[in-house]
């Protein structure tokens, strides 16, 4: 009966003519109430979704030309250990509940991943509404978010820095320049195009204030988006390219000492803020943030920046719950330049792992020895040690949201 019902549906691209259907679906799935819409404004809601139809790929299932399920993919890029990769950013995922259980989303994912592969987007990021669900589809956690609360008495004492802070306009070019330099050295970070900037600050932008730290040469080396309300200093985003900029930005926060009782914010790397504070007894909460999956193993490995320790060949057997082109045995060699080839299943394998484990390993969210201990990699200790040498030891950082 379910299959007969699915036979009456059509899978195709979602276009501008389906704008209202798409908004209605997203509002229903994400429980956007009429009150929310009235507060934000229908025109503003439509404006926020405009980039979806202008720059993204959207696939959807239709029933009698009415959109009932969709998946949106944004064209982004990320820095992986110093190398730029095209990334398909998944968002706007939803299906009306009366069509659940038909496998519609599984089909949308498969088709969307196929399109990503054709466009050279060899990796995909998403913010999961359910980690177990997306893990079954091949995505895995690659970044954490740490939310913190600092009391006014715990704000660091002023530190002498040669630079200065200046409040600037929201879109100031010095902010973009500082972030560009930052993203080039942070593994996993979004290489922000205009769409990425717009998506990152889509909500609550009007309440935010921007400031930039300039060093003694008047170069922008850090910035912060923040707001002060209800006697609390909220840090929306703090980016710094050196220790001087970090201290300078915290000096600026400290200058609000008489105005606030708390400082609240988020950081996105495994570097607890408490270590940097004189009084480190602060409140911190670590939560998984974004997930990623490799779309095309062969192409991803071909361009992956392995370390200079890469000398001897290594053979990896990869399994993938959705994509048959990733289900294979891959041999990496480094003698005459880095090469990747598919080899026979009879070839002796050095390590066996699934696609989820491969992405979290290569992005260095978890190290090989840790993954072996929990049964995610089958390999000898010698191979594990070699994998530890091969993969750059840079923890991933990702703060964007789309």
Protein backbone atom coordinates (compact mmCIF):
# COMPACT_ATOMS: atom_id res chain seq x y z
CA UNK A 1 0.00 0.00 0.00
CA UNK A 2 2.85 2.42 0.90
CA UNK A 3 4.69 1.67 -2.33
CA UNK A 4 1.52 2.34 -4.35
CA UNK A 5 1.22 5.68 -2.61
CA UNK A 6 4.85 6.51 -3.43
CA UNK A 7 4.27 5.62 -7.09
CA UNK A 8 1.88 8.57 -7.29
CA UNK A 9 4.61 11.02 -6.21
CA UNK A 10 7.18 12.82 -8.35
CA UNK A 11 10.80 13.68 -7.45
CA UNK A 12 12.08 16.82 -9.15
CA UNK A 13 13.82 20.15 -8.61
CA UNK A 14 12.12 22.79 -6.49
CA UNK A 15 12.03 26.17 -8.27
CA UNK A 16 10.91 29.73 -7.53
CA UNK A 17 7.33 28.93 -8.42
CA UNK A 18 7.28 26.65 -5.37
CA UNK A 19 8.56 29.35 -2.98
CA UNK A 20 5.42 29.50 -0.86
CA UNK A 21 5.11 25.71 -0.71
CA UNK A 22 8.71 25.53 0.49
CA UNK A 23 8.15 28.17 3.15
CA UNK A 24 4.96 26.46 4.32
CA UNK A 25 6.77 23.13 4.59
CA UNK A 26 9.68 24.59 6.54
CA UNK A 27 7.38 26.56 8.84
CA UNK A 28 5.40 23.41 9.59
CA UNK A 29 8.38 21.10 10.11
CA UNK A 30 10.33 23.59 12.24
CA UNK A 31 7.20 24.75 14.08
CA UNK A 32 7.35 28.40 13.08
CA UNK A 33 4.14 29.82 14.50
CA UNK A 34 1.97 32.62 13.14
CA UNK A 35 3.19 34.71 16.05
CA UNK A 36 6.80 34.13 14.98
CA UNK A 37 5.96 35.12 11.42
CA UNK A 38 4.11 38.25 12.54
CA UNK A 39 7.04 39.30 14.74
CA UNK A 40 9.58 38.72 11.97
CA UNK A 41 7.37 39.77 9.10
CA UNK A 42 6.32 37.67 6.13
CA UNK A 43 8.37 39.77 3.71
CA UNK A 44 11.47 39.31 5.88
CA UNK A 45 10.86 35.56 6.08
CA UNK A 46 10.66 35.39 2.30
CA UNK A 47 13.77 37.57 1.97
CA UNK A 48 15.73 35.24 4.22
CA UNK A 49 14.77 32.27 2.08
CA UNK A 50 15.51 34.07 -1.20
CA UNK A 51 19.10 32.71 -1.43
CA UNK A 52 17.72 29.17 -1.31
CA UNK A 53 16.11 29.58 -4.70
CA UNK A 54 18.86 31.71 -6.23
CA UNK A 55 22.02 29.86 -5.25
CA UNK A 56 21.21 26.38 -3.98
CA UNK A 57 20.12 23.04 -5.37
CA UNK A 58 16.74 21.91 -4.04
CA UNK A 59 15.20 18.54 -4.65
CA UNK A 60 11.70 17.70 -3.53
CA UNK A 61 8.93 15.17 -3.69
CA UNK A 62 5.62 16.40 -5.07
CA UNK A 63 2.07 15.16 -4.79
CA UNK A 64 -0.10 16.58 -7.56
CA UNK A 65 2.46 19.40 -7.99
CA UNK A 66 2.37 20.25 -4.26
CA UNK A 67 5.70 20.08 -2.42
CA UNK A 68 5.59 17.52 0.40
CA UNK A 69 9.28 16.81 1.10
CA UNK A 70 12.51 18.67 0.33
CA UNK A 71 16.26 18.90 0.85
CA UNK A 72 18.36 22.02 0.16
CA UNK A 73 22.09 22.02 -0.66
CA UNK A 74 24.11 25.24 -0.47
CA UNK A 75 27.35 25.71 -2.46
CA UNK A 76 30.02 26.34 0.17
CA UNK A 77 33.75 25.73 0.64
CA UNK A 78 35.68 24.67 3.74
CA UNK A 79 39.32 24.56 4.75
CA UNK A 80 40.55 21.03 5.45
CA UNK A 81 44.05 21.13 6.93
CA UNK A 82 44.95 24.13 4.79
CA UNK A 83 43.33 22.97 1.56
CA UNK A 84 40.05 24.31 0.16
CA UNK A 85 37.33 21.76 -0.52
CA UNK A 86 33.96 22.34 -2.17
CA UNK A 87 31.29 21.51 0.39
CA UNK A 88 27.59 20.83 0.00
CA UNK A 89 25.78 22.43 2.93
CA UNK A 90 22.58 20.54 3.70
CA UNK A 91 19.68 22.47 5.17
CA UNK A 92 15.91 22.91 4.79
CA UNK A 93 15.29 19.18 5.29
CA UNK A 94 11.69 18.25 5.94
CA UNK A 95 8.73 16.01 5.10
CA UNK A 96 5.10 16.39 6.06
CA UNK A 97 4.33 13.72 8.70
CA UNK A 98 1.53 12.12 6.69
CA UNK A 99 4.17 11.07 4.14
CA UNK A 100 6.58 9.58 6.68
CA UNK A 101 7.68 5.98 6.28
CA UNK A 102 7.80 6.04 2.49
CA UNK A 103 11.58 6.46 2.24
CA UNK A 104 11.21 9.88 0.63
CA UNK A 105 14.08 11.49 2.52
CA UNK A 106 16.41 8.60 1.82
CA UNK A 107 15.78 9.08 -1.91
CA UNK A 108 16.29 12.84 -1.65
CA UNK A 109 19.60 12.32 0.14
CA UNK A 110 20.82 9.84 -2.44
CA UNK A 111 19.91 12.14 -5.33
CA UNK A 112 21.33 15.23 -3.58
CA UNK A 113 24.61 13.46 -2.83
CA UNK A 114 24.79 12.37 -6.46
CA UNK A 115 24.41 16.02 -7.53
CA UNK A 116 27.10 17.07 -5.06
CA UNK A 117 29.47 14.52 -6.56
CA UNK A 118 28.79 15.83 -10.07
CA UNK A 119 29.57 19.37 -8.88
CA UNK A 120 32.83 18.35 -7.20
CA UNK A 121 31.47 18.87 -3.70
CA UNK A 122 33.38 15.97 -2.15
CA UNK A 123 32.29 16.70 1.42
CA UNK A 124 28.96 17.70 2.99
CA UNK A 125 28.15 19.45 6.28
CA UNK A 126 24.86 19.67 8.15
CA UNK A 127 23.42 20.62 11.53
CA UNK A 128 21.62 17.49 12.75
CA UNK A 129 18.15 17.45 14.22
CA UNK A 130 18.93 13.81 15.09
CA UNK A 131 22.50 12.57 15.32
CA UNK A 132 21.51 8.86 15.15
CA UNK A 133 19.42 9.45 12.01
CA UNK A 134 22.15 11.21 10.06
CA UNK A 135 24.81 8.84 11.35
CA UNK A 136 22.87 5.99 9.73
CA UNK A 137 23.04 7.95 6.47
CA UNK A 138 26.81 8.37 6.58
CA UNK A 139 27.33 11.67 8.41
CA UNK A 140 29.39 11.89 11.59
CA UNK A 141 30.17 14.51 14.25
CA UNK A 142 33.18 16.66 13.38
CA UNK A 143 32.88 19.67 15.69
CA UNK A 144 31.78 20.69 19.18
CA UNK A 145 30.34 23.86 20.64
CA UNK A 146 31.22 24.99 24.15
CA UNK A 147 28.80 27.43 25.77
CA UNK A 148 30.17 29.34 28.73
CA UNK A 149 29.07 31.72 31.45
CA UNK A 150 31.62 33.98 33.16
CA UNK A 151 30.72 36.06 36.20
CA UNK A 152 31.73 39.73 36.23
CA UNK A 153 34.30 39.02 38.95
CA UNK A 154 35.95 36.40 36.71
CA UNK A 155 36.49 38.67 33.72
CA UNK A 156 40.25 38.85 33.09
CA UNK A 157 42.04 41.92 34.44
CA UNK A 158 43.11 44.42 31.76
CA UNK A 159 46.23 43.35 29.89
CA UNK A 160 48.58 45.82 28.27
CA UNK A 161 48.34 45.46 24.48
CA UNK A 162 49.78 47.77 21.83
CA UNK A 163 46.68 47.81 19.65
CA UNK A 164 43.20 49.28 19.96
CA UNK A 165 39.51 48.36 19.66
CA UNK A 166 37.10 50.19 17.41
CA UNK A 167 33.38 49.64 16.95
CA UNK A 168 32.55 49.33 13.26
CA UNK A 169 29.62 48.71 10.94
CA UNK A 170 28.22 45.19 10.71
CA UNK A 171 29.65 44.52 7.24
CA UNK A 172 32.99 46.26 7.74
CA UNK A 173 35.64 44.98 5.33
CA UNK A 174 38.18 44.63 8.15
CA UNK A 175 35.97 41.99 9.75
CA UNK A 176 35.93 40.05 6.50
CA UNK A 177 39.71 40.39 6.17
CA UNK A 178 40.33 39.20 9.72
CA UNK A 179 38.06 36.19 9.23
CA UNK A 180 39.64 35.31 5.88
CA UNK A 181 43.05 35.07 7.54
CA UNK A 182 41.55 33.09 10.40
CA UNK A 183 39.77 30.57 8.18
CA UNK A 184 42.96 29.84 6.26
CA UNK A 185 44.56 28.36 9.39
CA UNK A 186 41.59 26.71 11.09
CA UNK A 187 40.90 23.13 10.01
CA UNK A 188 37.25 22.53 9.11
CA UNK A 189 36.36 26.23 8.98
CA UNK A 190 33.94 27.71 6.47
CA UNK A 191 35.57 29.74 3.72
CA UNK A 192 32.81 32.31 3.81
CA UNK A 193 31.31 33.62 0.62
CA UNK A 194 28.55 36.23 0.75
CA UNK A 195 25.92 33.53 1.16
CA UNK A 196 27.76 32.01 4.13
CA UNK A 197 28.02 35.40 5.85
CA UNK A 198 24.32 36.05 5.31
CA UNK A 199 23.27 32.62 6.56
CA UNK A 200 25.55 32.76 9.61
CA UNK A 201 23.96 35.98 10.87
CA UNK A 202 20.45 35.48 9.55
CA UNK A 203 18.80 35.59 12.97
CA UNK A 204 19.20 38.44 15.47
CA UNK A 205 21.49 40.52 13.27
CA UNK A 206 19.79 43.82 14.12
CA UNK A 207 20.67 43.47 17.81
CA UNK A 208 24.38 42.86 17.27
CA UNK A 209 27.26 45.32 17.56
CA UNK A 210 30.59 44.75 15.78
CA UNK A 211 34.07 45.71 16.90
CA UNK A 212 37.56 45.11 15.49
CA UNK A 213 40.93 44.82 17.20
CA UNK A 214 43.71 46.64 15.32
CA UNK A 215 47.35 45.93 16.14
CA UNK A 216 50.00 48.67 16.36
CA UNK A 217 50.41 48.50 12.57
CA UNK A 218 46.68 49.14 12.17
CA UNK A 219 46.07 45.63 10.85
CA UNK A 220 42.75 43.97 11.81
CA UNK A 221 43.74 40.83 13.73
CA UNK A 222 40.50 40.06 15.53
CA UNK A 223 36.85 41.01 15.80
CA UNK A 224 33.73 40.36 17.84
CA UNK A 225 29.98 40.47 17.32
CA UNK A 226 28.18 41.06 20.60
CA UNK A 227 25.21 42.60 22.37
CA UNK A 228 24.59 43.86 25.90
CA UNK A 229 21.17 43.33 27.42
CA UNK A 230 19.66 42.36 30.75
CA UNK A 231 23.00 43.12 32.45
CA UNK A 232 24.68 40.38 30.38
CA UNK A 233 27.38 40.68 27.72
CA UNK A 234 26.56 38.17 24.96
CA UNK A 235 29.43 37.18 22.66
CA UNK A 236 27.92 36.04 19.36
CA UNK A 237 31.28 35.47 17.65
CA UNK A 238 34.84 36.22 18.69
CA UNK A 239 37.64 35.66 16.18
CA UNK A 240 41.31 36.36 16.85
CA UNK A 241 44.42 35.58 14.86
CA UNK A 242 46.92 35.87 17.70
CA UNK A 243 47.11 36.12 21.47
CA UNK A 244 47.36 39.89 21.40
CA UNK A 245 44.00 40.18 19.65
CA UNK A 246 42.40 37.72 22.09
CA UNK A 247 43.55 39.74 25.06
CA UNK A 248 42.53 42.98 23.40
CA UNK A 249 39.00 41.72 22.81
CA UNK A 250 38.71 40.53 26.41
CA UNK A 251 39.97 43.94 27.55
CA UNK A 252 37.01 45.41 25.69
CA UNK A 253 34.62 43.00 27.40
CA UNK A 254 36.17 43.95 30.73
CA UNK A 255 35.51 47.62 30.01
CA UNK A 256 31.81 46.76 30.44
CA UNK A 257 32.43 45.57 34.03
CA UNK A 258 30.14 48.17 35.60
CA UNK A 259 27.35 47.35 33.14
CA UNK A 260 27.07 43.56 33.36
CA UNK A 261 26.97 40.69 35.82
CA UNK A 262 27.69 37.93 33.32
CA UNK A 263 29.48 37.25 30.05
CA UNK A 264 27.95 34.48 27.93
CA UNK A 265 29.12 33.07 24.64
CA UNK A 266 30.25 30.11 22.58
CA UNK A 267 33.55 28.72 21.39
CA UNK A 268 33.94 26.00 18.80
CA UNK A 269 37.15 24.10 19.51
CA UNK A 270 38.38 21.77 22.21
CA UNK A 271 40.08 24.61 24.05
CA UNK A 272 38.07 25.26 27.22
CA UNK A 273 38.00 28.95 28.05
CA UNK A 274 38.60 28.18 31.71
CA UNK A 275 42.27 27.44 31.01
CA UNK A 276 42.85 31.03 29.86
CA UNK A 277 41.17 32.72 32.82
CA UNK A 278 42.79 33.53 36.13
CA UNK A 279 39.66 32.26 37.87
CA UNK A 280 38.80 29.20 35.77
CA UNK A 281 35.88 28.02 37.88
CA UNK A 282 33.32 28.97 35.25
CA UNK A 283 30.30 27.20 33.80
CA UNK A 284 30.97 25.38 30.52
CA UNK A 285 28.83 22.97 28.55
CA UNK A 286 30.17 20.92 25.63
CA UNK A 287 27.73 19.72 22.97
CA UNK A 288 28.19 18.14 19.53
CA UNK A 289 27.64 20.72 16.82
CA UNK A 290 28.01 19.98 13.10
CA UNK A 291 28.24 16.69 11.25
CA UNK A 292 29.96 15.88 7.94
CA UNK A 293 30.15 13.07 5.43
CA UNK A 294 32.49 12.36 2.55
CA UNK A 295 30.58 12.41 -0.74
CA UNK A 296 33.30 10.95 -2.96
CA UNK A 297 36.02 9.00 -1.14
CA UNK A 298 38.33 8.62 -4.14
CA UNK A 299 38.37 12.33 -5.00
CA UNK A 300 38.50 13.42 -1.36
CA UNK A 301 41.55 11.23 -0.71
CA UNK A 302 43.18 12.33 -3.94
CA UNK A 303 43.37 15.92 -2.75
CA UNK A 304 43.79 15.30 0.98
CA UNK A 305 46.89 17.02 2.46
CA UNK A 306 48.55 14.12 4.25
CA UNK A 307 51.65 15.00 6.27
CA UNK A 308 55.24 14.70 5.11
CA UNK A 309 55.42 11.38 6.98
CA UNK A 310 53.40 9.82 4.13
CA UNK A 311 55.93 7.43 2.60
CA UNK A 312 54.63 3.88 2.45
CA UNK A 313 51.40 2.81 0.75
CA UNK A 314 48.27 2.14 2.77
CA UNK A 315 45.13 0.24 1.77
CA UNK A 316 41.73 1.24 3.18
CA UNK A 317 38.50 -0.72 2.92
CA UNK A 318 35.54 1.64 3.18
CA UNK A 319 31.84 0.85 3.65
CA UNK A 320 29.02 3.32 3.02
CA UNK A 321 25.32 2.82 3.93
CA UNK A 322 24.08 4.89 0.97
CA UNK A 323 26.63 5.47 -1.78
CA UNK A 324 27.83 2.46 -3.74
CA UNK A 325 30.70 4.38 -5.33
CA UNK A 326 32.30 4.72 -1.90
CA UNK A 327 32.02 1.00 -1.11
CA UNK A 328 35.46 -0.14 -2.22
CA UNK A 329 39.09 -0.82 -1.40
CA UNK A 330 41.36 2.19 -1.93
CA UNK A 331 45.14 2.14 -2.14
CA UNK A 332 47.08 5.32 -1.40
CA UNK A 333 50.68 5.61 -2.55
CA UNK A 334 53.11 8.48 -2.02
CA UNK A 335 56.38 7.54 -3.71
CA UNK A 336 55.94 9.53 -6.94
CA UNK A 337 53.32 11.99 -5.79
CA UNK A 338 50.10 11.17 -3.99
CA UNK A 339 47.89 8.75 -5.90
CA UNK A 340 44.65 6.93 -5.12
CA UNK A 341 43.41 3.85 -6.94
CA UNK A 342 40.67 1.31 -6.49
CA UNK A 343 42.08 -2.19 -6.06
CA UNK A 344 40.70 -5.72 -5.95
CA UNK A 345 38.88 -6.89 -2.84
CA UNK A 346 41.51 -9.63 -2.65
CA UNK A 347 44.17 -7.01 -1.91
CA UNK A 348 45.47 -7.22 1.68
CA UNK A 349 43.78 -4.43 3.65
CA UNK A 350 45.58 -2.29 6.24
CA UNK A 351 42.48 -0.71 7.79
CA UNK A 352 38.71 -1.27 7.53
CA UNK A 353 36.26 1.46 8.50
CA UNK A 354 32.92 2.95 7.54
CA UNK A 355 32.36 6.31 5.85
CA UNK A 356 31.32 7.92 9.14
CA UNK A 357 34.58 6.95 10.82
CA UNK A 358 36.64 8.03 7.82
CA UNK A 359 35.41 11.62 7.89
CA UNK A 360 35.86 12.10 11.63
CA UNK A 361 39.33 10.53 11.32
CA UNK A 362 40.51 12.66 8.39
CA UNK A 363 39.15 15.88 9.87
CA UNK A 364 40.92 14.88 13.11
CA UNK A 365 37.88 15.18 15.36
CA UNK A 366 39.00 11.83 16.77
CA UNK A 367 42.42 10.24 16.48
CA UNK A 368 42.99 6.77 15.02
CA UNK A 369 43.95 5.15 18.34
CA UNK A 370 40.74 6.39 19.98
CA UNK A 371 38.62 5.10 17.11
CA UNK A 372 40.31 1.71 17.26
CA UNK A 373 39.66 1.46 20.99
CA UNK A 374 35.91 1.86 20.48
CA UNK A 375 35.82 -0.58 17.57
CA UNK A 376 35.39 1.93 14.75
CA UNK A 377 38.60 0.93 12.92
CA UNK A 378 39.92 -2.57 12.27
CA UNK A 379 43.70 -2.31 11.97
CA UNK A 380 46.94 -3.39 13.58
CA UNK A 381 48.64 -1.14 16.09
CA UNK A 382 51.36 -0.51 13.51
CA UNK A 383 48.78 0.77 11.00
CA UNK A 384 47.12 2.89 13.67
CA UNK A 385 50.46 4.51 14.48
CA UNK A 386 51.01 5.19 10.79
CA UNK A 387 47.54 6.77 10.46
CA UNK A 388 48.40 8.99 13.44
CA UNK A 389 51.45 10.18 11.51
CA UNK A 390 49.64 10.58 8.20
CA UNK A 391 46.79 12.84 9.34
CA UNK A 392 47.60 16.42 10.41
CA UNK A 393 46.98 16.94 14.12
CA UNK A 394 44.70 19.97 13.74
CA UNK A 395 41.41 19.81 15.58
CA UNK A 396 38.41 20.99 13.54
CA UNK A 397 36.80 24.37 14.18
CA UNK A 398 33.40 25.32 12.77
CA UNK A 399 31.13 28.08 14.03
CA UNK A 400 28.80 28.72 11.10
CA UNK A 401 25.13 27.88 10.91
CA UNK A 402 22.92 27.48 7.87
